[in-house]
Amino acid sequence: MAEHCIINISRFRAVLFDMDGVITDTMPVHLKAWQEAFKPYGVTVEKMDVYLREGMTSKTMAESIAGEKQKSLTAEELEKIVAAKSAFFDREVSAHVKVFEGVPGILRMIRNNGIKTALVTGSRAQSVKAVLHKAGIEDLFDLIITGDDTKTGKPSPDPYLTAMRRLGISRINCVVVENAPLGIQSAKAAGAEYVIAVTTSLDASYLKDADDVMASVAELETCLARRFAALPGPASP
């Protein structure tokens, strides 16, 4: 892991953010949704069952959790679990959407300095749209990639490769901000030059493959503000 906060922002043209646990504090809602969806099948879902699988598509996560719990479920049952999870999340999330401190400020600062912003998440497009609208930040991203945009989710590189391709920006000019091991693996596999992890969902011991680990987006905002201020010419507040 690199020395703390030494990112050379002048090299980068895009910052790609995960959503749940990075932009929005919605991981607890996902956890509750999975717990409720699996409950009728006698499967107890724990926090780490979900948090360590964050970034997977819902279908893959359902299969993975069932497999680890040694619960034999049919394809139809798994489909019902995914549908129930999605329905619960969509019902509950609007009442629980919370944007992490520093998020609006860092997104505006990045864009005001001529750098693109992208959201790269494994969540469904429908729920992403609802969450971002409720949070009032849907206009702060130049590009949004959801779980509906790629055939495979994290840790596959597809989500981040898709974002880089659509932005038209090389991997060596991209920073990724993640909060989960599978997301870090995805970004690294896509060749992202610099990956920053925030400990909003998991402690640093789970995030050791990132190039840097910070406590929060607010801390990252402070770090980037200093880097922008050091660049030639005026920096945005």
C-alpha atoms as a PDB file:
ATOM      1  CA  MET A   1       0.000   0.000   0.000  1.00  0.00           C
ATOM      2  CA  ALA A   2       1.370   3.412  -0.950  1.00  0.00           C
ATOM      3  CA  GLU A   3       2.288   6.148   1.517  1.00  0.00           C
ATOM      4  CA  HIS A   4      -0.830   7.995   2.638  1.00  0.00           C
ATOM      5  CA  CYS A   5      -2.258  10.698   0.353  1.00  0.00           C
ATOM      6  CA  ILE A   6       0.583  11.129  -2.139  1.00  0.00           C
ATOM      7  CA  ILE A   7      -1.617  10.941  -5.239  1.00  0.00           C
ATOM      8  CA  ASN A   8      -0.322  13.077  -8.123  1.00  0.00           C
ATOM      9  CA  ILE A   9      -3.642  14.436  -9.354  1.00  0.00           C
ATOM     10  CA  SER A  10      -2.073  16.174 -12.374  1.00  0.00           C
ATOM     11  CA  ARG A  11      -1.698  12.755 -14.051  1.00  0.00           C
ATOM     12  CA  PHE A  12      -5.390  11.919 -13.949  1.00  0.00           C
ATOM     13  CA  ARG A  13      -8.329  12.725 -16.201  1.00  0.00           C
ATOM     14  CA  ALA A  14     -11.135  10.776 -14.474  1.00  0.00           C
ATOM     15  CA  VAL A  15     -12.123   9.644 -10.994  1.00  0.00           C
ATOM     16  CA  LEU A  16     -14.365   6.567 -10.892  1.00  0.00           C
ATOM     17  CA  PHE A  17     -16.436   5.983  -7.753  1.00  0.00           C
ATOM     18  CA  ASP A  18     -18.256   2.944  -6.454  1.00  0.00           C
ATOM     19  CA  MET A  19     -21.697   3.882  -5.063  1.00  0.00           C
ATOM     20  CA  ASP A  20     -22.841   1.834  -2.051  1.00  0.00           C
ATOM     21  CA  GLY A  21     -20.506   2.472   0.862  1.00  0.00           C
ATOM     22  CA  VAL A  22     -18.560   5.167  -1.004  1.00  0.00           C
ATOM     23  CA  ILE A  23     -21.066   7.726  -2.259  1.00  0.00           C
ATOM     24  CA  THR A  24     -24.127   6.621  -0.289  1.00  0.00           C
ATOM     25  CA  ASP A  25     -24.425   4.945   3.105  1.00  0.00           C
ATOM     26  CA  THR A  26     -26.737   2.264   1.725  1.00  0.00           C
ATOM     27  CA  MET A  27     -24.890  -0.936   2.611  1.00  0.00           C
ATOM     28  CA  PRO A  28     -27.025  -1.487   5.753  1.00  0.00           C
ATOM     29  CA  VAL A  29     -30.155  -1.420   3.558  1.00  0.00           C
ATOM     30  CA  HIS A  30     -28.646  -3.987   1.194  1.00  0.00           C
ATOM     31  CA  LEU A  31     -27.788  -6.186   4.160  1.00  0.00           C
ATOM     32  CA  LYS A  32     -31.310  -6.036   5.575  1.00  0.00           C
ATOM     33  CA  ALA A  33     -32.770  -6.733   2.128  1.00  0.00           C
ATOM     34  CA  TRP A  34     -30.655  -9.886   1.725  1.00  0.00           C
ATOM     35  CA  GLN A  35     -31.530 -11.040   5.230  1.00  0.00           C
ATOM     36  CA  GLU A  36     -35.254 -10.678   4.548  1.00  0.00           C
ATOM     37  CA  ALA A  37     -35.015 -12.319   1.122  1.00  0.00           C
ATOM     38  CA  PHE A  38     -33.205 -15.420   2.427  1.00  0.00           C
ATOM     39  CA  LYS A  39     -35.225 -15.747   5.643  1.00  0.00           C
ATOM     40  CA  PRO A  40     -38.095 -17.821   4.132  1.00  0.00           C
ATOM     41  CA  TYR A  41     -35.517 -20.402   3.023  1.00  0.00           C
ATOM     42  CA  GLY A  42     -34.007 -20.806   6.479  1.00  0.00           C
ATOM     43  CA  VAL A  43     -30.756 -19.039   5.616  1.00  0.00           C
ATOM     44  CA  THR A  44     -29.283 -16.583   8.106  1.00  0.00           C
ATOM     45  CA  VAL A  45     -27.305 -13.853   6.344  1.00  0.00           C
ATOM     46  CA  GLU A  46     -24.595 -12.097   8.342  1.00  0.00           C
ATOM     47  CA  LYS A  47     -23.040  -8.705   7.692  1.00  0.00           C
ATOM     48  CA  MET A  48     -19.808 -10.072   6.250  1.00  0.00           C
ATOM     49  CA  ASP A  49     -21.729 -12.390   3.904  1.00  0.00           C
ATOM     50  CA  VAL A  50     -22.873  -9.258   2.083  1.00  0.00           C
ATOM     51  CA  TYR A  51     -20.072  -6.749   2.682  1.00  0.00           C
ATOM     52  CA  LEU A  52     -17.328  -9.048   1.417  1.00  0.00           C
ATOM     53  CA  ARG A  53     -19.370  -9.788  -1.725  1.00  0.00           C
ATOM     54  CA  GLU A  54     -20.214  -6.182  -2.489  1.00  0.00           C
ATOM     55  CA  GLY A  55     -19.868  -5.496  -6.203  1.00  0.00           C
ATOM     56  CA  MET A  56     -21.223  -8.850  -7.366  1.00  0.00           C
ATOM     57  CA  THR A  57     -24.404  -8.874  -9.391  1.00  0.00           C
ATOM     58  CA  SER A  58     -27.467  -9.825  -7.330  1.00  0.00           C
ATOM     59  CA  LYS A  59     -27.769 -13.190  -9.078  1.00  0.00           C
ATOM     60  CA  THR A  60     -24.143 -14.078  -8.433  1.00  0.00           C
ATOM     61  CA  MET A  61     -24.340 -12.925  -4.828  1.00  0.00           C
ATOM     62  CA  ALA A  62     -27.439 -15.004  -4.145  1.00  0.00           C
ATOM     63  CA  GLU A  63     -25.758 -18.095  -5.605  1.00  0.00           C
ATOM     64  CA  SER A  64     -22.563 -17.424  -3.674  1.00  0.00           C
ATOM     65  CA  ILE A  65     -24.282 -16.927  -0.321  1.00  0.00           C
ATOM     66  CA  ALA A  66     -26.431 -20.034  -0.785  1.00  0.00           C
ATOM     67  CA  GLY A  67     -23.362 -22.061  -1.721  1.00  0.00           C
ATOM     68  CA  GLU A  68     -21.363 -20.925   1.294  1.00  0.00           C
ATOM     69  CA  LYS A  69     -24.298 -21.714   3.579  1.00  0.00           C
ATOM     70  CA  GLN A  70     -24.516 -25.144   1.933  1.00  0.00           C
ATOM     71  CA  LYS A  71     -28.133 -24.481   1.063  1.00  0.00           C
ATOM     72  CA  SER A  72     -29.346 -26.253  -2.066  1.00  0.00           C
ATOM     73  CA  LEU A  73     -31.732 -23.957  -3.924  1.00  0.00           C
ATOM     74  CA  THR A  74     -33.261 -24.258  -7.372  1.00  0.00           C
ATOM     75  CA  ALA A  75     -32.768 -21.633 -10.046  1.00  0.00           C
ATOM     76  CA  GLU A  76     -36.386 -20.599  -9.528  1.00  0.00           C
ATOM     77  CA  GLU A  77     -35.863 -20.167  -5.784  1.00  0.00           C
ATOM     78  CA  LEU A  78     -32.756 -18.093  -6.360  1.00  0.00           C
ATOM     79  CA  GLU A  79     -34.674 -15.893  -8.792  1.00  0.00           C
ATOM     80  CA  LYS A  80     -37.346 -15.375  -6.151  1.00  0.00           C
ATOM     81  CA  ILE A  81     -34.713 -14.438  -3.589  1.00  0.00           C
ATOM     82  CA  VAL A  82     -33.184 -11.873  -5.940  1.00  0.00           C
ATOM     83  CA  ALA A  83     -36.619 -10.441  -6.731  1.00  0.00           C
ATOM     84  CA  ALA A  84     -37.515 -10.235  -3.045  1.00  0.00           C
ATOM     85  CA  LYS A  85     -34.218  -8.578  -2.218  1.00  0.00           C
ATOM     86  CA  SER A  86     -34.703  -5.984  -4.973  1.00  0.00           C
ATOM     87  CA  ALA A  87     -38.283  -5.272  -3.922  1.00  0.00           C
ATOM     88  CA  PHE A  88     -37.311  -4.806  -0.264  1.00  0.00           C
ATOM     89  CA  PHE A  89     -34.412  -2.516  -1.169  1.00  0.00           C
ATOM     90  CA  ASP A  90     -36.545  -0.375  -3.479  1.00  0.00           C
ATOM     91  CA  ARG A  91     -39.224  -0.011  -0.774  1.00  0.00           C
ATOM     92  CA  GLU A  92     -36.834   0.906   2.002  1.00  0.00           C
ATOM     93  CA  VAL A  93     -33.967   2.788   0.427  1.00  0.00           C
ATOM     94  CA  SER A  94     -35.725   6.119  -0.171  1.00  0.00           C
ATOM     95  CA  ALA A  95     -36.257   6.497   3.565  1.00  0.00           C
ATOM     96  CA  HIS A  96     -32.634   5.668   4.344  1.00  0.00           C
ATOM     97  CA  VAL A  97     -30.592   7.363   1.618  1.00  0.00           C
ATOM     98  CA  LYS A  98     -27.699   9.231   3.164  1.00  0.00           C
ATOM     99  CA  VAL A  99     -24.819  10.725   1.228  1.00  0.00           C
ATOM    100  CA  PHE A 100     -21.482  10.490   2.999  1.00  0.00           C
ATOM    101  CA  GLU A 101     -19.958  13.725   4.235  1.00  0.00           C
ATOM    102  CA  GLY A 102     -17.773  15.335   1.604  1.00  0.00           C
ATOM    103  CA  VAL A 103     -19.366  13.657  -1.419  1.00  0.00           C
ATOM    104  CA  PRO A 104     -21.070  16.652  -3.116  1.00  0.00           C
ATOM    105  CA  GLY A 105     -18.022  18.803  -2.461  1.00  0.00           C
ATOM    106  CA  ILE A 106     -15.495  16.358  -3.865  1.00  0.00           C
ATOM    107  CA  LEU A 107     -17.567  15.677  -6.989  1.00  0.00           C
ATOM    108  CA  ARG A 108     -17.924  19.401  -7.733  1.00  0.00           C
ATOM    109  CA  MET A 109     -14.245  20.064  -6.995  1.00  0.00           C
ATOM    110  CA  ILE A 110     -13.129  17.305  -9.352  1.00  0.00           C
ATOM    111  CA  ARG A 111     -15.346  18.484 -12.195  1.00  0.00           C
ATOM    112  CA  ASN A 112     -14.481  22.150 -11.633  1.00  0.00           C
ATOM    113  CA  ASN A 113     -10.859  21.199 -12.201  1.00  0.00           C
ATOM    114  CA  GLY A 114     -11.628  19.632 -15.581  1.00  0.00           C
ATOM    115  CA  ILE A 115     -11.593  15.999 -14.467  1.00  0.00           C
ATOM    116  CA  LYS A 116     -14.418  13.599 -15.344  1.00  0.00           C
ATOM    117  CA  THR A 117     -16.446  11.771 -12.712  1.00  0.00           C
ATOM    118  CA  ALA A 118     -18.028   8.352 -13.149  1.00  0.00           C
ATOM    119  CA  LEU A 119     -20.135   6.090 -10.964  1.00  0.00           C
ATOM    120  CA  VAL A 120     -19.392   2.379 -11.351  1.00  0.00           C
ATOM    121  CA  THR A 121     -21.711   0.130  -9.381  1.00  0.00           C
ATOM    122  CA  GLY A 122     -23.095  -3.383  -9.480  1.00  0.00           C
ATOM    123  CA  SER A 123     -26.540  -2.167  -8.413  1.00  0.00           C
ATOM    124  CA  ARG A 124     -29.462  -2.238 -10.835  1.00  0.00           C
ATOM    125  CA  ALA A 125     -30.098   0.856 -12.967  1.00  0.00           C
ATOM    126  CA  GLN A 126     -33.566   1.326 -11.483  1.00  0.00           C
ATOM    127  CA  SER A 127     -32.316   1.452  -7.907  1.00  0.00           C
ATOM    128  CA  VAL A 128     -29.283   3.580  -8.814  1.00  0.00           C
ATOM    129  CA  LYS A 129     -31.506   6.172 -10.454  1.00  0.00           C
ATOM    130  CA  ALA A 130     -33.810   6.271  -7.436  1.00  0.00           C
ATOM    131  CA  VAL A 131     -30.949   6.537  -4.935  1.00  0.00           C
ATOM    132  CA  LEU A 132     -29.114   9.292  -6.809  1.00  0.00           C
ATOM    133  CA  HIS A 133     -32.313  11.261  -7.376  1.00  0.00           C
ATOM    134  CA  LYS A 134     -33.236  11.044  -3.706  1.00  0.00           C
ATOM    135  CA  ALA A 135     -29.712  12.112  -2.757  1.00  0.00           C
ATOM    136  CA  GLY A 136     -29.837  14.999  -5.253  1.00  0.00           C
ATOM    137  CA  ILE A 137     -26.483  14.180  -6.847  1.00  0.00           C
ATOM    138  CA  GLU A 138     -27.468  12.553 -10.139  1.00  0.00           C
ATOM    139  CA  ASP A 139     -26.138  15.542 -12.122  1.00  0.00           C
ATOM    140  CA  LEU A 140     -22.668  15.363 -10.582  1.00  0.00           C
ATOM    141  CA  PHE A 141     -21.523  12.374 -12.653  1.00  0.00           C
ATOM    142  CA  ASP A 142     -20.409  12.505 -16.280  1.00  0.00           C
ATOM    143  CA  LEU A 143     -21.092   8.779 -16.629  1.00  0.00           C
ATOM    144  CA  ILE A 144     -22.997   6.122 -14.699  1.00  0.00           C
ATOM    145  CA  ILE A 145     -22.303   2.398 -15.157  1.00  0.00           C
ATOM    146  CA  THR A 146     -24.710   0.017 -13.395  1.00  0.00           C
ATOM    147  CA  GLY A 147     -25.014  -3.721 -13.067  1.00  0.00           C
ATOM    148  CA  ASP A 148     -27.280  -3.671 -16.120  1.00  0.00           C
ATOM    149  CA  ASP A 149     -24.478  -2.365 -18.330  1.00  0.00           C
ATOM    150  CA  THR A 150     -22.078  -5.317 -18.099  1.00  0.00           C
ATOM    151  CA  LYS A 151     -22.353  -9.074 -18.420  1.00  0.00           C
ATOM    152  CA  THR A 152     -20.218  -9.690 -15.350  1.00  0.00           C
ATOM    153  CA  GLY A 153     -19.922  -7.730 -12.126  1.00  0.00           C
ATOM    154  CA  LYS A 154     -16.987  -7.095  -9.828  1.00  0.00           C
ATOM    155  CA  PRO A 155     -14.386  -8.588  -9.334  1.00  0.00           C
ATOM    156  CA  SER A 156     -14.434  -8.883 -13.127  1.00  0.00           C
ATOM    157  CA  PRO A 157     -12.743  -5.865 -14.742  1.00  0.00           C
ATOM    158  CA  ASP A 158     -15.753  -5.354 -17.029  1.00  0.00           C
ATOM    159  CA  PRO A 159     -17.465  -2.572 -14.994  1.00  0.00           C
ATOM    160  CA  TYR A 160     -14.383  -0.356 -14.867  1.00  0.00           C
ATOM    161  CA  LEU A 161     -13.240  -1.221 -18.393  1.00  0.00           C
ATOM    162  CA  THR A 162     -16.700  -0.229 -19.647  1.00  0.00           C
ATOM    163  CA  ALA A 163     -16.498   3.090 -17.822  1.00  0.00           C
ATOM    164  CA  MET A 164     -13.007   3.840 -19.149  1.00  0.00           C
ATOM    165  CA  ARG A 165     -14.071   3.001 -22.683  1.00  0.00           C
ATOM    166  CA  ARG A 166     -17.198   5.159 -22.580  1.00  0.00           C
ATOM    167  CA  LEU A 167     -15.309   8.062 -21.032  1.00  0.00           C
ATOM    168  CA  GLY A 168     -12.618   7.690 -23.685  1.00  0.00           C
ATOM    169  CA  ILE A 169      -9.911   7.909 -21.018  1.00  0.00           C
ATOM    170  CA  SER A 170      -6.945   5.570 -20.660  1.00  0.00           C
ATOM    171  CA  ARG A 171      -6.637   3.353 -17.605  1.00  0.00           C
ATOM    172  CA  ILE A 172      -3.358   5.082 -16.698  1.00  0.00           C
ATOM    173  CA  ASN A 173      -5.270   8.342 -16.325  1.00  0.00           C
ATOM    174  CA  CYS A 174      -7.948   6.954 -13.990  1.00  0.00           C
ATOM    175  CA  VAL A 175      -8.323   7.017 -10.215  1.00  0.00           C
ATOM    176  CA  VAL A 176     -10.801   4.601  -8.611  1.00  0.00           C
ATOM    177  CA  VAL A 177     -12.425   5.042  -5.192  1.00  0.00           C
ATOM    178  CA  GLU A 178     -13.717   1.830  -3.631  1.00  0.00           C
ATOM    179  CA  ASN A 179     -14.704   0.381  -0.264  1.00  0.00           C
ATOM    180  CA  ALA A 180     -14.692  -3.386  -0.816  1.00  0.00           C
ATOM    181  CA  PRO A 181     -12.193  -6.092  -1.811  1.00  0.00           C
ATOM    182  CA  LEU A 182     -14.038  -7.170  -4.960  1.00  0.00           C
ATOM    183  CA  GLY A 183     -14.225  -3.590  -6.169  1.00  0.00           C
ATOM    184  CA  ILE A 184     -10.507  -3.109  -5.616  1.00  0.00           C
ATOM    185  CA  GLN A 185      -9.811  -6.335  -7.513  1.00  0.00           C
ATOM    186  CA  SER A 186     -12.053  -5.169 -10.366  1.00  0.00           C
ATOM    187  CA  ALA A 187     -10.301  -1.814 -10.641  1.00  0.00           C
ATOM    188  CA  LYS A 188      -6.855  -3.391 -10.503  1.00  0.00           C
ATOM    189  CA  ALA A 189      -7.799  -5.982 -13.118  1.00  0.00           C
ATOM    190  CA  ALA A 190      -8.995  -3.162 -15.365  1.00  0.00           C
ATOM    191  CA  GLY A 191      -5.586  -1.549 -15.030  1.00  0.00           C
ATOM    192  CA  ALA A 192      -6.608   1.547 -13.082  1.00  0.00           C
ATOM    193  CA  GLU A 193      -3.458   3.445 -12.254  1.00  0.00           C
ATOM    194  CA  TYR A 194      -4.400   4.374  -8.691  1.00  0.00           C
ATOM    195  CA  VAL A 195      -7.006   2.811  -6.398  1.00  0.00           C
ATOM    196  CA  ILE A 196      -8.067   4.470  -3.166  1.00  0.00           C
ATOM    197  CA  ALA A 197     -10.124   2.608  -0.570  1.00  0.00           C
ATOM    198  CA  VAL A 198     -12.247   4.179   2.158  1.00  0.00           C
ATOM    199  CA  THR A 199     -12.964   2.332   5.416  1.00  0.00           C
ATOM    200  CA  THR A 200     -16.664   3.187   5.478  1.00  0.00           C
ATOM    201  CA  SER A 201     -17.790  -0.463   5.358  1.00  0.00           C
ATOM    202  CA  LEU A 202     -14.755  -2.589   6.208  1.00  0.00           C
ATOM    203  CA  ASP A 203     -11.580  -1.942   8.139  1.00  0.00           C
ATOM    204  CA  ALA A 204      -8.242  -1.469   6.431  1.00  0.00           C
ATOM    205  CA  SER A 205      -7.188  -5.102   6.847  1.00  0.00           C
ATOM    206  CA  TYR A 206      -9.668  -6.058   4.107  1.00  0.00           C
ATOM    207  CA  LEU A 207      -8.492  -3.292   1.766  1.00  0.00           C
ATOM    208  CA  LYS A 208      -4.768  -3.922   1.640  1.00  0.00           C
ATOM    209  CA  ASP A 209      -4.683  -4.355  -2.144  1.00  0.00           C
ATOM    210  CA  ALA A 210      -5.560  -0.681  -2.652  1.00  0.00           C
ATOM    211  CA  ASP A 211      -2.804   1.841  -3.313  1.00  0.00           C
ATOM    212  CA  ASP A 212      -4.053   4.013  -0.473  1.00  0.00           C
ATOM    213  CA  VAL A 213      -6.595   3.672   2.321  1.00  0.00           C
ATOM    214  CA  MET A 214      -8.444   6.583   3.896  1.00  0.00           C
ATOM    215  CA  ALA A 215     -11.024   6.785   6.642  1.00  0.00           C
ATOM    216  CA  SER A 216     -13.682   8.595   4.638  1.00  0.00           C
ATOM    217  CA  VAL A 217     -14.591  10.518   1.507  1.00  0.00           C
ATOM    218  CA  ALA A 218     -14.255  13.690   3.586  1.00  0.00           C
ATOM    219  CA  GLU A 219     -10.592  12.813   4.207  1.00  0.00           C
ATOM    220  CA  LEU A 220     -10.126  12.136   0.502  1.00  0.00           C
ATOM    221  CA  GLU A 221     -11.748  15.502  -0.284  1.00  0.00           C
ATOM    222  CA  THR A 222      -9.188  17.249   1.935  1.00  0.00           C
ATOM    223  CA  CYS A 223      -6.349  15.329   0.297  1.00  0.00           C
ATOM    224  CA  LEU A 224      -7.454  16.202  -3.236  1.00  0.00           C
ATOM    225  CA  ALA A 225      -8.102  19.831  -2.316  1.00  0.00           C
ATOM    226  CA  ARG A 226      -4.460  20.138  -1.272  1.00  0.00           C
ATOM    227  CA  ARG A 227      -3.335  18.472  -4.493  1.00  0.00           C
ATOM    228  CA  PHE A 228      -5.470  20.746  -6.672  1.00  0.00           C
ATOM    229  CA  ALA A 229      -4.239  23.808  -4.774  1.00  0.00           C
ATOM    230  CA  ALA A 230      -0.658  22.825  -5.575  1.00  0.00           C
ATOM    231  CA  LEU A 231      -1.322  22.717  -9.317  1.00  0.00           C
ATOM    232  CA  PRO A 232      -0.331  25.690 -11.517  1.00  0.00           C
ATOM    233  CA  GLY A 233      -3.135  28.212 -11.870  1.00  0.00           C
ATOM    234  CA  PRO A 234      -6.234  28.773  -9.717  1.00  0.00           C
ATOM    235  CA  ALA A 235      -7.887  25.796  -8.037  1.00  0.00           C
ATOM    236  CA  SER A 236     -11.578  25.591  -7.320  1.00  0.00           C
ATOM    237  CA  PRO A 237     -12.691  25.748  -3.690  1.00  0.00           C
END
